[in-house]
């Protein structure tokens, strides 16, 4: 009988011990944090990949959700499906918030600059464009205005005074070569390069189709570009410890070195 009681006592002790271990494991799991960040694949997701291990040391699991458009990352972040996103520059975010007043997002940190460039499979210089040439540009307000401003800087067109980056094709007041503009979603512009005479493409999308922004452009923004790509968060989340840890990791010398070596000037660190 004593032997039976001893065995039963041992079994009870073992069950309690296992339950205790399970509770500890569950608590450890609950203490770990997941940070879900939306990003376009190149270079944003690639840059984020570089900080996964650093964040893991702080008990933060970084989950990268890749997007191919500029609309859903902001909507999903606002709807709390993401903790942050990393794909856009400041003018785009400012315009997006104006167009979607229900969206409450802010700039948490500037990370890098991607110069916008003009590319062509048909001419080697912009002054070689023929009369009536077709040029594809992004159709969203800020990137479209940015593309037109770049073409104006190159002397291809003249814009109405004072329009700046909010220019539209209706603000073109000088067009000596009678350029025809094909306006498309920014991610689709690179796919037109075989069909149009020139295309104005964001560097991240240029790299996705194996265009080298340094070597393949026929005209490109210089390093003074104000279009810093940012980490965006919901208003009020700027000081969340996990967000601050992500910003610290992204602004490290490790990431700066990666950007310099990986993109060779096509992407420039902004810190």
C-alpha atoms as a PDB file:
ATOM      1  CA  UNK A   1       0.000   0.000   0.000  1.00  0.00           C
ATOM      2  CA  UNK A   2       2.815   2.326   0.974  1.00  0.00           C
ATOM      3  CA  UNK A   3       4.480   1.505  -2.323  1.00  0.00           C
ATOM      4  CA  UNK A   4       1.308   2.410  -4.219  1.00  0.00           C
ATOM      5  CA  UNK A   5       0.991   5.696  -2.315  1.00  0.00           C
ATOM      6  CA  UNK A   6       4.619   6.483  -3.057  1.00  0.00           C
ATOM      7  CA  UNK A   7       4.071   5.906  -6.766  1.00  0.00           C
ATOM      8  CA  UNK A   8       0.938   8.040  -6.765  1.00  0.00           C
ATOM      9  CA  UNK A   9       2.750  10.828  -4.913  1.00  0.00           C
ATOM     10  CA  UNK A  10       5.559  10.717  -7.461  1.00  0.00           C
ATOM     11  CA  UNK A  11       3.087  10.931 -10.326  1.00  0.00           C
ATOM     12  CA  UNK A  12       1.309  13.915  -8.757  1.00  0.00           C
ATOM     13  CA  UNK A  13       4.636  15.661  -8.213  1.00  0.00           C
ATOM     14  CA  UNK A  14       5.646  15.027 -11.832  1.00  0.00           C
ATOM     15  CA  UNK A  15       2.331  16.375 -13.149  1.00  0.00           C
ATOM     16  CA  UNK A  16       2.611  19.517 -11.028  1.00  0.00           C
ATOM     17  CA  UNK A  17       6.211  20.014 -12.143  1.00  0.00           C
ATOM     18  CA  UNK A  18       5.257  19.647 -15.806  1.00  0.00           C
ATOM     19  CA  UNK A  19       2.375  22.051 -15.354  1.00  0.00           C
ATOM     20  CA  UNK A  20       4.790  24.509 -13.795  1.00  0.00           C
ATOM     21  CA  UNK A  21       7.174  24.164 -16.736  1.00  0.00           C
ATOM     22  CA  UNK A  22       4.304  24.646 -19.140  1.00  0.00           C
ATOM     23  CA  UNK A  23       3.262  27.802 -17.349  1.00  0.00           C
ATOM     24  CA  UNK A  24       6.818  29.103 -17.476  1.00  0.00           C
ATOM     25  CA  UNK A  25       7.078  28.351 -21.178  1.00  0.00           C
ATOM     26  CA  UNK A  26       3.747  30.024 -21.855  1.00  0.00           C
ATOM     27  CA  UNK A  27       4.810  33.040 -19.857  1.00  0.00           C
ATOM     28  CA  UNK A  28       8.071  33.258 -21.825  1.00  0.00           C
ATOM     29  CA  UNK A  29       6.099  33.073 -25.044  1.00  0.00           C
ATOM     30  CA  UNK A  30       3.747  35.781 -23.866  1.00  0.00           C
ATOM     31  CA  UNK A  31       6.706  37.970 -22.895  1.00  0.00           C
ATOM     32  CA  UNK A  32       8.162  37.785 -26.399  1.00  0.00           C
ATOM     33  CA  UNK A  33       6.948  40.562 -28.708  1.00  0.00           C
ATOM     34  CA  UNK A  34       6.216  40.463 -32.435  1.00  0.00           C
ATOM     35  CA  UNK A  35       6.643  43.595 -34.501  1.00  0.00           C
ATOM     36  CA  UNK A  36       4.831  43.386 -37.835  1.00  0.00           C
ATOM     37  CA  UNK A  37       6.180  45.835 -40.413  1.00  0.00           C
ATOM     38  CA  UNK A  38       4.845  46.331 -43.946  1.00  0.00           C
ATOM     39  CA  UNK A  39       7.372  47.081 -46.683  1.00  0.00           C
ATOM     40  CA  UNK A  40       7.963  46.983 -50.418  1.00  0.00           C
ATOM     41  CA  UNK A  41      10.475  44.299 -51.295  1.00  0.00           C
ATOM     42  CA  UNK A  42      13.421  46.358 -52.606  1.00  0.00           C
ATOM     43  CA  UNK A  43      15.135  47.905 -50.761  1.00  0.00           C
ATOM     44  CA  UNK A  44      12.856  48.230 -47.723  1.00  0.00           C
ATOM     45  CA  UNK A  45      12.293  44.554 -46.919  1.00  0.00           C
ATOM     46  CA  UNK A  46      15.943  43.807 -47.657  1.00  0.00           C
ATOM     47  CA  UNK A  47      17.046  46.492 -45.204  1.00  0.00           C
ATOM     48  CA  UNK A  48      14.614  45.228 -42.567  1.00  0.00           C
ATOM     49  CA  UNK A  49      16.041  41.722 -42.920  1.00  0.00           C
ATOM     50  CA  UNK A  50      19.379  43.092 -41.686  1.00  0.00           C
ATOM     51  CA  UNK A  51      17.972  43.985 -38.259  1.00  0.00           C
ATOM     52  CA  UNK A  52      16.039  40.801 -37.466  1.00  0.00           C
ATOM     53  CA  UNK A  53      18.835  39.292 -35.359  1.00  0.00           C
ATOM     54  CA  UNK A  54      19.483  42.560 -33.532  1.00  0.00           C
ATOM     55  CA  UNK A  55      15.832  42.851 -32.533  1.00  0.00           C
ATOM     56  CA  UNK A  56      15.687  39.187 -31.546  1.00  0.00           C
ATOM     57  CA  UNK A  57      18.377  39.894 -28.935  1.00  0.00           C
ATOM     58  CA  UNK A  58      15.947  42.398 -27.411  1.00  0.00           C
ATOM     59  CA  UNK A  59      13.159  39.817 -27.370  1.00  0.00           C
ATOM     60  CA  UNK A  60      11.433  41.254 -30.437  1.00  0.00           C
ATOM     61  CA  UNK A  61      10.440  39.070 -33.371  1.00  0.00           C
ATOM     62  CA  UNK A  62      10.369  41.108 -36.584  1.00  0.00           C
ATOM     63  CA  UNK A  63       7.760  39.949 -39.090  1.00  0.00           C
ATOM     64  CA  UNK A  64       8.075  41.577 -42.519  1.00  0.00           C
ATOM     65  CA  UNK A  65       4.932  41.774 -44.662  1.00  0.00           C
ATOM     66  CA  UNK A  66       5.749  42.593 -48.294  1.00  0.00           C
ATOM     67  CA  UNK A  67       3.542  44.792 -50.484  1.00  0.00           C
ATOM     68  CA  UNK A  68       3.649  45.712 -54.159  1.00  0.00           C
ATOM     69  CA  UNK A  69       1.512  48.855 -53.910  1.00  0.00           C
ATOM     70  CA  UNK A  70       1.501  52.167 -52.027  1.00  0.00           C
ATOM     71  CA  UNK A  71      -2.090  52.111 -50.717  1.00  0.00           C
ATOM     72  CA  UNK A  72      -2.630  49.001 -48.596  1.00  0.00           C
ATOM     73  CA  UNK A  73       0.419  49.415 -46.313  1.00  0.00           C
ATOM     74  CA  UNK A  74      -1.008  52.658 -44.927  1.00  0.00           C
ATOM     75  CA  UNK A  75      -4.574  51.374 -44.678  1.00  0.00           C
ATOM     76  CA  UNK A  76      -3.439  48.167 -42.981  1.00  0.00           C
ATOM     77  CA  UNK A  77      -1.271  50.100 -40.543  1.00  0.00           C
ATOM     78  CA  UNK A  78      -4.140  52.405 -39.658  1.00  0.00           C
ATOM     79  CA  UNK A  79      -6.382  49.345 -39.119  1.00  0.00           C
ATOM     80  CA  UNK A  80      -3.794  47.861 -36.688  1.00  0.00           C
ATOM     81  CA  UNK A  81      -2.932  44.965 -38.990  1.00  0.00           C
ATOM     82  CA  UNK A  82       0.647  46.262 -38.892  1.00  0.00           C
ATOM     83  CA  UNK A  83       2.755  47.933 -36.208  1.00  0.00           C
ATOM     84  CA  UNK A  84       4.665  50.101 -38.690  1.00  0.00           C
ATOM     85  CA  UNK A  85       5.406  50.405 -42.375  1.00  0.00           C
ATOM     86  CA  UNK A  86       8.533  51.298 -44.307  1.00  0.00           C
ATOM     87  CA  UNK A  87       8.014  52.124 -47.979  1.00  0.00           C
ATOM     88  CA  UNK A  88       7.157  55.806 -48.456  1.00  0.00           C
ATOM     89  CA  UNK A  89       8.655  59.283 -48.315  1.00  0.00           C
ATOM     90  CA  UNK A  90       7.356  62.241 -46.316  1.00  0.00           C
ATOM     91  CA  UNK A  91       5.476  64.065 -49.131  1.00  0.00           C
ATOM     92  CA  UNK A  92       3.600  60.869 -49.991  1.00  0.00           C
ATOM     93  CA  UNK A  93       2.553  60.270 -46.377  1.00  0.00           C
ATOM     94  CA  UNK A  94       1.463  63.897 -45.963  1.00  0.00           C
ATOM     95  CA  UNK A  95      -0.635  63.747 -49.127  1.00  0.00           C
ATOM     96  CA  UNK A  96      -2.081  60.336 -48.199  1.00  0.00           C
ATOM     97  CA  UNK A  97      -3.233  61.632 -44.822  1.00  0.00           C
ATOM     98  CA  UNK A  98      -4.853  64.640 -46.505  1.00  0.00           C
ATOM     99  CA  UNK A  99      -6.673  62.374 -48.936  1.00  0.00           C
ATOM    100  CA  UNK A 100      -7.696  59.920 -46.159  1.00  0.00           C
ATOM    101  CA  UNK A 101      -8.548  62.019 -43.076  1.00  0.00           C
ATOM    102  CA  UNK A 102      -9.523  58.900 -41.162  1.00  0.00           C
ATOM    103  CA  UNK A 103      -5.911  57.711 -41.330  1.00  0.00           C
ATOM    104  CA  UNK A 104      -3.813  58.800 -38.341  1.00  0.00           C
ATOM    105  CA  UNK A 105      -0.205  58.048 -39.234  1.00  0.00           C
ATOM    106  CA  UNK A 106       3.020  59.907 -38.529  1.00  0.00           C
ATOM    107  CA  UNK A 107       6.665  59.857 -39.492  1.00  0.00           C
ATOM    108  CA  UNK A 108       8.671  58.052 -36.789  1.00  0.00           C
ATOM    109  CA  UNK A 109      12.119  58.244 -38.421  1.00  0.00           C
ATOM    110  CA  UNK A 110      13.845  58.992 -41.718  1.00  0.00           C
ATOM    111  CA  UNK A 111      15.948  56.063 -42.912  1.00  0.00           C
ATOM    112  CA  UNK A 112      17.112  56.483 -46.515  1.00  0.00           C
ATOM    113  CA  UNK A 113      16.709  58.286 -49.831  1.00  0.00           C
ATOM    114  CA  UNK A 114      16.005  56.612 -53.172  1.00  0.00           C
ATOM    115  CA  UNK A 115      16.724  58.997 -56.050  1.00  0.00           C
ATOM    116  CA  UNK A 116      14.059  58.939 -58.770  1.00  0.00           C
ATOM    117  CA  UNK A 117      15.451  58.493 -62.274  1.00  0.00           C
ATOM    118  CA  UNK A 118      14.531  58.557 -65.946  1.00  0.00           C
ATOM    119  CA  UNK A 119      15.206  55.342 -67.887  1.00  0.00           C
ATOM    120  CA  UNK A 120      14.935  54.408 -71.530  1.00  0.00           C
ATOM    121  CA  UNK A 121      15.585  51.492 -73.862  1.00  0.00           C
ATOM    122  CA  UNK A 122      15.327  53.771 -76.920  1.00  0.00           C
ATOM    123  CA  UNK A 123      17.482  56.823 -76.202  1.00  0.00           C
ATOM    124  CA  UNK A 124      20.695  57.434 -74.288  1.00  0.00           C
ATOM    125  CA  UNK A 125      19.998  61.097 -73.511  1.00  0.00           C
ATOM    126  CA  UNK A 126      16.810  63.018 -72.881  1.00  0.00           C
ATOM    127  CA  UNK A 127      17.556  65.472 -75.661  1.00  0.00           C
ATOM    128  CA  UNK A 128      17.337  62.520 -78.081  1.00  0.00           C
ATOM    129  CA  UNK A 129      13.602  62.130 -77.415  1.00  0.00           C
ATOM    130  CA  UNK A 130      11.658  62.601 -80.631  1.00  0.00           C
ATOM    131  CA  UNK A 131       8.705  64.900 -81.136  1.00  0.00           C
ATOM    132  CA  UNK A 132       5.570  63.258 -79.730  1.00  0.00           C
ATOM    133  CA  UNK A 133       7.531  60.793 -77.574  1.00  0.00           C
ATOM    134  CA  UNK A 134       5.670  58.940 -74.820  1.00  0.00           C
ATOM    135  CA  UNK A 135       6.967  59.091 -71.245  1.00  0.00           C
ATOM    136  CA  UNK A 136       5.415  57.008 -68.465  1.00  0.00           C
ATOM    137  CA  UNK A 137       5.228  58.485 -64.955  1.00  0.00           C
ATOM    138  CA  UNK A 138       3.619  57.479 -61.621  1.00  0.00           C
ATOM    139  CA  UNK A 139      -0.008  58.533 -61.243  1.00  0.00           C
ATOM    140  CA  UNK A 140      -0.098  59.187 -57.485  1.00  0.00           C
ATOM    141  CA  UNK A 141      -0.009  62.902 -56.604  1.00  0.00           C
ATOM    142  CA  UNK A 142       3.413  63.154 -54.970  1.00  0.00           C
ATOM    143  CA  UNK A 143       5.399  60.765 -57.156  1.00  0.00           C
ATOM    144  CA  UNK A 144       3.711  62.118 -60.276  1.00  0.00           C
ATOM    145  CA  UNK A 145       4.616  65.663 -59.271  1.00  0.00           C
ATOM    146  CA  UNK A 146       8.114  64.543 -58.402  1.00  0.00           C
ATOM    147  CA  UNK A 147       8.519  62.933 -61.841  1.00  0.00           C
ATOM    148  CA  UNK A 148       7.313  66.062 -63.623  1.00  0.00           C
ATOM    149  CA  UNK A 149       9.633  68.226 -61.503  1.00  0.00           C
ATOM    150  CA  UNK A 150      12.531  65.963 -62.498  1.00  0.00           C
ATOM    151  CA  UNK A 151      11.669  66.286 -66.194  1.00  0.00           C
ATOM    152  CA  UNK A 152      11.417  70.058 -65.742  1.00  0.00           C
ATOM    153  CA  UNK A 153      14.832  70.110 -64.074  1.00  0.00           C
ATOM    154  CA  UNK A 154      16.193  68.196 -67.060  1.00  0.00           C
ATOM    155  CA  UNK A 155      14.750  70.824 -69.408  1.00  0.00           C
ATOM    156  CA  UNK A 156      12.291  68.496 -71.129  1.00  0.00           C
ATOM    157  CA  UNK A 157       9.218  70.459 -69.995  1.00  0.00           C
ATOM    158  CA  UNK A 158       8.349  73.673 -68.151  1.00  0.00           C
ATOM    159  CA  UNK A 159       5.915  73.758 -65.241  1.00  0.00           C
ATOM    160  CA  UNK A 160       3.628  76.498 -64.028  1.00  0.00           C
ATOM    161  CA  UNK A 161       5.395  78.707 -61.493  1.00  0.00           C
ATOM    162  CA  UNK A 162       5.045  77.620 -57.886  1.00  0.00           C
ATOM    163  CA  UNK A 163       3.460  74.199 -58.397  1.00  0.00           C
ATOM    164  CA  UNK A 164       6.532  72.293 -57.218  1.00  0.00           C
ATOM    165  CA  UNK A 165       5.983  68.653 -56.306  1.00  0.00           C
ATOM    166  CA  UNK A 166       2.199  69.025 -56.483  1.00  0.00           C
ATOM    167  CA  UNK A 167       2.390  69.473 -60.243  1.00  0.00           C
ATOM    168  CA  UNK A 168       0.124  67.475 -62.538  1.00  0.00           C
ATOM    169  CA  UNK A 169       0.253  67.103 -66.299  1.00  0.00           C
ATOM    170  CA  UNK A 170      -2.192  70.015 -66.439  1.00  0.00           C
ATOM    171  CA  UNK A 171       0.531  72.241 -64.991  1.00  0.00           C
ATOM    172  CA  UNK A 172       2.855  71.661 -67.948  1.00  0.00           C
ATOM    173  CA  UNK A 173       3.072  75.053 -69.672  1.00  0.00           C
ATOM    174  CA  UNK A 174       6.050  74.338 -71.884  1.00  0.00           C
ATOM    175  CA  UNK A 175       6.327  71.112 -73.891  1.00  0.00           C
ATOM    176  CA  UNK A 176       8.471  71.771 -76.965  1.00  0.00           C
ATOM    177  CA  UNK A 177       8.705  68.086 -77.910  1.00  0.00           C
ATOM    178  CA  UNK A 178       4.967  67.513 -77.388  1.00  0.00           C
ATOM    179  CA  UNK A 179       5.645  64.745 -74.886  1.00  0.00           C
ATOM    180  CA  UNK A 180       2.696  62.432 -74.221  1.00  0.00           C
ATOM    181  CA  UNK A 181       2.423  61.287 -70.616  1.00  0.00           C
ATOM    182  CA  UNK A 182       1.285  57.795 -69.693  1.00  0.00           C
ATOM    183  CA  UNK A 183       0.240  57.834 -66.035  1.00  0.00           C
ATOM    184  CA  UNK A 184       0.284  54.538 -64.139  1.00  0.00           C
ATOM    185  CA  UNK A 185       0.580  53.183 -60.623  1.00  0.00           C
ATOM    186  CA  UNK A 186       4.218  53.598 -59.576  1.00  0.00           C
ATOM    187  CA  UNK A 187       4.824  49.842 -59.351  1.00  0.00           C
ATOM    188  CA  UNK A 188       3.619  49.378 -62.951  1.00  0.00           C
ATOM    189  CA  UNK A 189       5.794  52.072 -64.565  1.00  0.00           C
ATOM    190  CA  UNK A 190       8.934  49.868 -64.915  1.00  0.00           C
ATOM    191  CA  UNK A 191       6.939  47.340 -66.956  1.00  0.00           C
ATOM    192  CA  UNK A 192       6.320  49.958 -69.634  1.00  0.00           C
ATOM    193  CA  UNK A 193       9.959  50.631 -70.398  1.00  0.00           C
ATOM    194  CA  UNK A 194       9.987  48.427 -73.514  1.00  0.00           C
ATOM    195  CA  UNK A 195       6.904  50.162 -74.934  1.00  0.00           C
ATOM    196  CA  UNK A 196       7.489  53.855 -74.174  1.00  0.00           C
ATOM    197  CA  UNK A 197      10.293  56.222 -75.114  1.00  0.00           C
ATOM    198  CA  UNK A 198      11.226  56.886 -71.489  1.00  0.00           C
ATOM    199  CA  UNK A 199       9.942  56.106 -68.011  1.00  0.00           C
ATOM    200  CA  UNK A 200      10.363  57.967 -64.732  1.00  0.00           C
ATOM    201  CA  UNK A 201      10.800  55.295 -62.072  1.00  0.00           C
ATOM    202  CA  UNK A 202      11.294  55.168 -58.312  1.00  0.00           C
ATOM    203  CA  UNK A 203      14.613  53.469 -57.521  1.00  0.00           C
ATOM    204  CA  UNK A 204      13.049  50.640 -55.499  1.00  0.00           C
ATOM    205  CA  UNK A 205      10.860  49.617 -58.438  1.00  0.00           C
ATOM    206  CA  UNK A 206      13.736  50.111 -60.900  1.00  0.00           C
ATOM    207  CA  UNK A 207      15.841  47.627 -58.944  1.00  0.00           C
ATOM    208  CA  UNK A 208      13.005  45.100 -58.924  1.00  0.00           C
ATOM    209  CA  UNK A 209      13.247  44.898 -62.723  1.00  0.00           C
ATOM    210  CA  UNK A 210      17.065  44.709 -62.645  1.00  0.00           C
ATOM    211  CA  UNK A 211      17.671  48.346 -63.588  1.00  0.00           C
ATOM    212  CA  UNK A 212      20.723  49.833 -61.878  1.00  0.00           C
ATOM    213  CA  UNK A 213      19.790  53.379 -60.810  1.00  0.00           C
ATOM    214  CA  UNK A 214      23.438  54.439 -60.910  1.00  0.00           C
ATOM    215  CA  UNK A 215      24.407  52.940 -64.292  1.00  0.00           C
ATOM    216  CA  UNK A 216      21.159  52.688 -66.254  1.00  0.00           C
ATOM    217  CA  UNK A 217      19.549  56.089 -65.729  1.00  0.00           C
ATOM    218  CA  UNK A 218      19.637  58.811 -68.357  1.00  0.00           C
ATOM    219  CA  UNK A 219      18.822  61.468 -65.742  1.00  0.00           C
ATOM    220  CA  UNK A 220      18.495  61.149 -61.960  1.00  0.00           C
ATOM    221  CA  UNK A 221      17.882  63.195 -58.824  1.00  0.00           C
ATOM    222  CA  UNK A 222      20.998  64.221 -56.954  1.00  0.00           C
ATOM    223  CA  UNK A 223      21.748  63.607 -53.282  1.00  0.00           C
ATOM    224  CA  UNK A 224      19.901  66.790 -52.248  1.00  0.00           C
ATOM    225  CA  UNK A 225      16.537  65.102 -52.851  1.00  0.00           C
ATOM    226  CA  UNK A 226      14.063  65.892 -50.044  1.00  0.00           C
ATOM    227  CA  UNK A 227      12.279  62.564 -50.462  1.00  0.00           C
ATOM    228  CA  UNK A 228      13.494  60.703 -47.387  1.00  0.00           C
ATOM    229  CA  UNK A 229      11.942  57.256 -46.983  1.00  0.00           C
ATOM    230  CA  UNK A 230      10.520  56.862 -43.504  1.00  0.00           C
ATOM    231  CA  UNK A 231       9.290  54.427 -40.906  1.00  0.00           C
ATOM    232  CA  UNK A 232       5.621  55.325 -40.378  1.00  0.00           C
ATOM    233  CA  UNK A 233       3.524  54.416 -37.330  1.00  0.00           C
ATOM    234  CA  UNK A 234       0.106  55.195 -35.922  1.00  0.00           C
ATOM    235  CA  UNK A 235      -0.128  58.503 -34.113  1.00  0.00           C
ATOM    236  CA  UNK A 236       0.858  57.919 -30.483  1.00  0.00           C
ATOM    237  CA  UNK A 237       3.021  54.853 -31.177  1.00  0.00           C
ATOM    238  CA  UNK A 238       6.217  56.814 -31.855  1.00  0.00           C
ATOM    239  CA  UNK A 239       7.635  56.107 -28.393  1.00  0.00           C
ATOM    240  CA  UNK A 240       6.639  52.457 -28.088  1.00  0.00           C
ATOM    241  CA  UNK A 241       9.754  50.587 -26.872  1.00  0.00           C
ATOM    242  CA  UNK A 242       9.546  48.133 -29.784  1.00  0.00           C
ATOM    243  CA  UNK A 243       9.349  50.973 -32.325  1.00  0.00           C
ATOM    244  CA  UNK A 244      12.269  52.765 -30.692  1.00  0.00           C
ATOM    245  CA  UNK A 245      14.276  49.527 -30.780  1.00  0.00           C
ATOM    246  CA  UNK A 246      13.497  49.150 -34.490  1.00  0.00           C
ATOM    247  CA  UNK A 247      14.562  52.737 -35.214  1.00  0.00           C
ATOM    248  CA  UNK A 248      17.806  52.253 -33.299  1.00  0.00           C
ATOM    249  CA  UNK A 249      18.552  49.076 -35.256  1.00  0.00           C
ATOM    250  CA  UNK A 250      17.740  50.680 -38.619  1.00  0.00           C
ATOM    251  CA  UNK A 251      19.957  53.686 -37.865  1.00  0.00           C
ATOM    252  CA  UNK A 252      22.979  51.577 -36.980  1.00  0.00           C
ATOM    253  CA  UNK A 253      26.381  51.595 -38.656  1.00  0.00           C
ATOM    254  CA  UNK A 254      25.663  47.994 -39.663  1.00  0.00           C
ATOM    255  CA  UNK A 255      22.665  49.080 -41.745  1.00  0.00           C
ATOM    256  CA  UNK A 256      24.510  52.066 -43.218  1.00  0.00           C
ATOM    257  CA  UNK A 257      27.324  49.771 -44.337  1.00  0.00           C
ATOM    258  CA  UNK A 258      24.811  47.336 -45.846  1.00  0.00           C
ATOM    259  CA  UNK A 259      23.081  50.131 -47.782  1.00  0.00           C
ATOM    260  CA  UNK A 260      26.375  51.492 -49.125  1.00  0.00           C
ATOM    261  CA  UNK A 261      27.699  48.091 -50.179  1.00  0.00           C
ATOM    262  CA  UNK A 262      24.443  46.589 -51.462  1.00  0.00           C
ATOM    263  CA  UNK A 263      23.063  49.501 -53.476  1.00  0.00           C
ATOM    264  CA  UNK A 264      26.195  51.400 -54.481  1.00  0.00           C
ATOM    265  CA  UNK A 265      24.584  54.849 -54.484  1.00  0.00           C
ATOM    266  CA  UNK A 266      21.131  53.815 -55.682  1.00  0.00           C
ATOM    267  CA  UNK A 267      19.996  54.091 -52.066  1.00  0.00           C
ATOM    268  CA  UNK A 268      21.543  56.606 -49.692  1.00  0.00           C
ATOM    269  CA  UNK A 269      21.374  56.393 -45.885  1.00  0.00           C
ATOM    270  CA  UNK A 270      19.689  59.464 -44.379  1.00  0.00           C
ATOM    271  CA  UNK A 271      21.332  59.222 -40.956  1.00  0.00           C
END
